Amino acid sequence: MTPSYIDPAHENLESAIEQVILNGERIIFQREGRPLAALITVEELEILQELENLEDQHDIKVAEQSQEEPGIILWDDIKAKFGC
């Protein structure tokens, strides 16, 4: 879906919210032609949050796996060695 672009200083915010709620439209607020913020449905927000959670889980898994690789020195070991 192609988003609608509006200038919040010149548009009716209530109307924009209604477009999102009733039609599932995405509204991008812009000023002087530059995008500033977006108005999306709660469902889309929840999808974005779940994607962020999945990305965080993936990053944690990769970090844990990298600690098992040979030649990796843990930060706690370095601090202990140098008395930090």
N, C-alpha and C. Protein backbone atom coordinates (compact mmCIF):
# COMPACT_ATOMS: atom_id res chain seq x y z
N MET A 1 0.84 -1.17 0.00
CA MET A 1 0.00 0.00 0.00
C MET A 1 0.89 1.24 0.00
N THR A 2 0.59 2.15 -0.88
CA THR A 2 1.34 3.40 -0.97
C THR A 2 0.85 4.36 0.12
N PRO A 3 1.77 4.90 0.90
CA PRO A 3 1.33 5.81 1.97
C PRO A 3 0.91 7.16 1.43
N SER A 4 0.09 7.85 2.22
CA SER A 4 -0.28 9.23 1.92
C SER A 4 0.68 10.14 2.67
N TYR A 5 1.07 11.23 2.05
CA TYR A 5 1.97 12.20 2.68
C TYR A 5 1.18 13.44 3.01
N ILE A 6 1.30 13.90 4.26
CA ILE A 6 0.59 15.12 4.65
C ILE A 6 1.50 16.00 5.49
N ASP A 7 1.21 17.28 5.48
CA ASP A 7 1.90 18.24 6.34
C ASP A 7 1.01 18.47 7.56
N PRO A 8 1.48 18.07 8.76
CA PRO A 8 0.62 18.16 9.94
C PRO A 8 0.17 19.59 10.26
N ALA A 9 0.91 20.58 9.79
CA ALA A 9 0.53 21.96 10.07
C ALA A 9 -0.69 22.39 9.24
N HIS A 10 -0.93 21.69 8.13
CA HIS A 10 -2.00 22.12 7.23
C HIS A 10 -3.11 21.08 7.06
N GLU A 11 -2.98 19.95 7.73
CA GLU A 11 -3.98 18.89 7.58
C GLU A 11 -4.70 18.65 8.88
N ASN A 12 -5.86 18.05 8.78
CA ASN A 12 -6.67 17.72 9.94
C ASN A 12 -6.20 16.36 10.48
N LEU A 13 -5.60 16.37 11.66
CA LEU A 13 -5.06 15.14 12.25
C LEU A 13 -6.16 14.11 12.50
N GLU A 14 -7.31 14.57 12.93
CA GLU A 14 -8.42 13.65 13.18
C GLU A 14 -8.82 12.90 11.91
N SER A 15 -8.83 13.60 10.79
CA SER A 15 -9.16 12.98 9.51
C SER A 15 -8.11 11.94 9.13
N ALA A 16 -6.84 12.25 9.38
CA ALA A 16 -5.77 11.31 9.07
C ALA A 16 -5.90 10.04 9.91
N ILE A 17 -6.23 10.21 11.19
CA ILE A 17 -6.42 9.05 12.07
C ILE A 17 -7.58 8.19 11.58
N GLU A 18 -8.65 8.82 11.15
CA GLU A 18 -9.80 8.08 10.63
C GLU A 18 -9.40 7.28 9.38
N GLN A 19 -8.59 7.86 8.51
CA GLN A 19 -8.15 7.14 7.30
C GLN A 19 -7.38 5.89 7.68
N VAL A 20 -6.56 5.98 8.71
CA VAL A 20 -5.78 4.83 9.17
C VAL A 20 -6.70 3.78 9.77
N ILE A 21 -7.59 4.21 10.66
CA ILE A 21 -8.47 3.27 11.36
C ILE A 21 -9.44 2.59 10.39
N LEU A 22 -10.10 3.36 9.56
CA LEU A 22 -11.16 2.82 8.72
C LEU A 22 -10.65 2.14 7.45
N ASN A 23 -9.58 2.68 6.86
CA ASN A 23 -9.12 2.17 5.57
C ASN A 23 -7.78 1.45 5.65
N GLY A 24 -7.15 1.47 6.82
CA GLY A 24 -5.84 0.82 6.95
C GLY A 24 -4.75 1.56 6.20
N GLU A 25 -4.99 2.84 5.89
CA GLU A 25 -3.99 3.62 5.17
C GLU A 25 -2.78 3.90 6.06
N ARG A 26 -1.66 4.14 5.44
CA ARG A 26 -0.45 4.60 6.14
C ARG A 26 -0.29 6.07 5.81
N ILE A 27 -0.11 6.85 6.85
CA ILE A 27 0.04 8.29 6.68
C ILE A 27 1.45 8.67 7.11
N ILE A 28 2.14 9.41 6.26
CA ILE A 28 3.47 9.91 6.60
C ILE A 28 3.38 11.42 6.74
N PHE A 29 3.74 11.90 7.92
CA PHE A 29 3.76 13.33 8.17
C PHE A 29 5.07 13.90 7.64
N GLN A 30 4.98 15.00 6.93
CA GLN A 30 6.18 15.61 6.38
C GLN A 30 6.13 17.11 6.58
N ARG A 31 7.31 17.68 6.61
CA ARG A 31 7.43 19.13 6.70
C ARG A 31 8.49 19.54 5.69
N GLU A 32 8.13 20.49 4.86
CA GLU A 32 9.02 20.97 3.81
C GLU A 32 9.52 19.81 2.95
N GLY A 33 8.63 18.85 2.70
CA GLY A 33 8.96 17.74 1.82
C GLY A 33 9.77 16.63 2.46
N ARG A 34 10.11 16.76 3.75
CA ARG A 34 10.90 15.72 4.43
C ARG A 34 10.00 14.90 5.35
N PRO A 35 10.07 13.57 5.27
CA PRO A 35 9.26 12.74 6.16
C PRO A 35 9.70 12.89 7.61
N LEU A 36 8.73 12.98 8.53
CA LEU A 36 9.02 13.18 9.96
C LEU A 36 8.57 12.00 10.81
N ALA A 37 7.37 11.50 10.55
CA ALA A 37 6.79 10.43 11.37
C ALA A 37 5.72 9.73 10.55
N ALA A 38 5.28 8.57 11.07
CA ALA A 38 4.26 7.82 10.35
C ALA A 38 3.13 7.45 11.30
N LEU A 39 1.95 7.35 10.74
CA LEU A 39 0.77 6.91 11.46
C LEU A 39 0.32 5.61 10.82
N ILE A 40 0.34 4.52 11.61
CA ILE A 40 -0.01 3.20 11.10
C ILE A 40 -1.01 2.55 12.04
N THR A 41 -1.58 1.43 11.62
CA THR A 41 -2.52 0.71 12.47
C THR A 41 -1.77 0.03 13.61
N VAL A 42 -2.48 -0.28 14.66
CA VAL A 42 -1.90 -0.99 15.80
C VAL A 42 -1.40 -2.37 15.34
N GLU A 43 -2.13 -3.00 14.44
CA GLU A 43 -1.72 -4.31 13.94
C GLU A 43 -0.35 -4.24 13.28
N GLU A 44 -0.13 -3.20 12.47
CA GLU A 44 1.18 -3.05 11.83
C GLU A 44 2.27 -2.77 12.86
N LEU A 45 1.95 -1.99 13.88
CA LEU A 45 2.90 -1.72 14.94
C LEU A 45 3.30 -3.02 15.65
N GLU A 46 2.31 -3.87 15.93
CA GLU A 46 2.59 -5.14 16.59
C GLU A 46 3.49 -6.03 15.73
N ILE A 47 3.28 -6.01 14.42
CA ILE A 47 4.14 -6.78 13.50
C ILE A 47 5.57 -6.24 13.56
N LEU A 48 5.72 -4.93 13.54
CA LEU A 48 7.06 -4.32 13.63
C LEU A 48 7.74 -4.68 14.94
N GLN A 49 6.98 -4.67 16.04
CA GLN A 49 7.56 -5.01 17.34
C GLN A 49 7.99 -6.48 17.37
N GLU A 50 7.20 -7.35 16.78
CA GLU A 50 7.56 -8.77 16.74
C GLU A 50 8.82 -8.98 15.89
N LEU A 51 8.92 -8.26 14.79
CA LEU A 51 10.13 -8.34 13.96
C LEU A 51 11.36 -7.89 14.74
N GLU A 52 11.21 -6.81 15.51
CA GLU A 52 12.32 -6.34 16.35
C GLU A 52 12.72 -7.39 17.37
N ASN A 53 11.73 -8.03 17.99
CA ASN A 53 12.01 -9.08 18.97
C ASN A 53 12.74 -10.25 18.32
N LEU A 54 12.30 -10.65 17.14
CA LEU A 54 12.96 -11.75 16.43
C LEU A 54 14.40 -11.38 16.06
N GLU A 55 14.60 -10.13 15.64
CA GLU A 55 15.94 -9.67 15.31
C GLU A 55 16.83 -9.68 16.56
N ASP A 56 16.30 -9.24 17.69
CA ASP A 56 17.06 -9.26 18.95
C ASP A 56 17.44 -10.68 19.33
N GLN A 57 16.49 -11.62 19.20
CA GLN A 57 16.78 -13.02 19.52
C GLN A 57 17.87 -13.57 18.61
N HIS A 58 17.81 -13.22 17.34
CA HIS A 58 18.83 -13.67 16.39
C HIS A 58 20.20 -13.10 16.77
N ASP A 59 20.24 -11.81 17.10
CA ASP A 59 21.50 -11.17 17.48
C ASP A 59 22.10 -11.83 18.73
N ILE A 60 21.25 -12.15 19.70
CA ILE A 60 21.73 -12.81 20.92
C ILE A 60 22.31 -14.18 20.58
N LYS A 61 21.61 -14.92 19.73
CA LYS A 61 22.08 -16.25 19.34
C LYS A 61 23.43 -16.17 18.64
N VAL A 62 23.58 -15.23 17.73
CA VAL A 62 24.84 -15.06 17.00
C VAL A 62 25.96 -14.67 17.97
N ALA A 63 25.67 -13.79 18.90
CA ALA A 63 26.68 -13.37 19.88
C ALA A 63 27.11 -14.55 20.75
N GLU A 64 26.15 -15.35 21.18
CA GLU A 64 26.48 -16.52 22.00
C GLU A 64 27.32 -17.52 21.22
N GLN A 65 27.00 -17.73 19.96
CA GLN A 65 27.76 -18.66 19.13
C GLN A 65 29.18 -18.15 18.89
N SER A 66 29.32 -16.84 18.74
CA SER A 66 30.65 -16.28 18.46
C SER A 66 31.57 -16.41 19.66
N GLN A 67 31.01 -16.47 20.88
CA GLN A 67 31.83 -16.64 22.07
C GLN A 67 32.45 -18.02 22.13
N GLU A 68 31.88 -18.98 21.41
CA GLU A 68 32.38 -20.34 21.40
C GLU A 68 33.49 -20.54 20.38
N GLU A 69 33.72 -19.56 19.51
CA GLU A 69 34.74 -19.69 18.48
C GLU A 69 36.13 -19.60 19.10
N PRO A 70 37.08 -20.39 18.56
CA PRO A 70 38.44 -20.32 19.08
C PRO A 70 39.06 -18.94 18.80
N GLY A 71 39.89 -18.51 19.71
CA GLY A 71 40.57 -17.23 19.53
C GLY A 71 39.80 -16.05 20.07
N ILE A 72 38.60 -16.28 20.56
CA ILE A 72 37.80 -15.20 21.13
C ILE A 72 38.17 -15.06 22.61
N ILE A 73 38.48 -13.83 23.01
CA ILE A 73 38.81 -13.55 24.40
C ILE A 73 37.67 -12.73 24.99
N LEU A 74 37.11 -13.22 26.07
CA LEU A 74 35.99 -12.54 26.70
C LEU A 74 36.46 -11.27 27.42
N TRP A 75 35.63 -10.26 27.43
CA TRP A 75 35.94 -8.99 28.05
C TRP A 75 36.24 -9.17 29.55
N ASP A 76 35.49 -10.03 30.21
CA ASP A 76 35.73 -10.28 31.63
C ASP A 76 37.13 -10.86 31.86
N ASP A 77 37.59 -11.70 30.93
CA ASP A 77 38.95 -12.27 31.05
C ASP A 77 40.02 -11.18 30.88
N ILE A 78 39.79 -10.26 29.97
CA ILE A 78 40.74 -9.16 29.75
C ILE A 78 40.80 -8.27 30.98
N LYS A 79 39.63 -7.94 31.53
CA LYS A 79 39.60 -7.09 32.73
C LYS A 79 40.32 -7.79 33.89
N ALA A 80 40.10 -9.08 34.05
CA ALA A 80 40.75 -9.82 35.14
C ALA A 80 42.26 -9.85 34.96
N LYS A 81 42.68 -10.01 33.72
CA LYS A 81 44.13 -10.09 33.45
C LYS A 81 44.83 -8.78 33.77
N PHE A 82 44.18 -7.66 33.48
CA PHE A 82 44.81 -6.37 33.68
C PHE A 82 44.33 -5.66 34.96
N GLY A 83 43.57 -6.37 35.78
CA GLY A 83 43.14 -5.82 37.06
C GLY A 83 42.17 -4.68 36.97
N CYS A 84 41.31 -4.71 36.01
CA CYS A 84 40.31 -3.63 35.87
C CYS A 84 39.03 -3.96 36.60
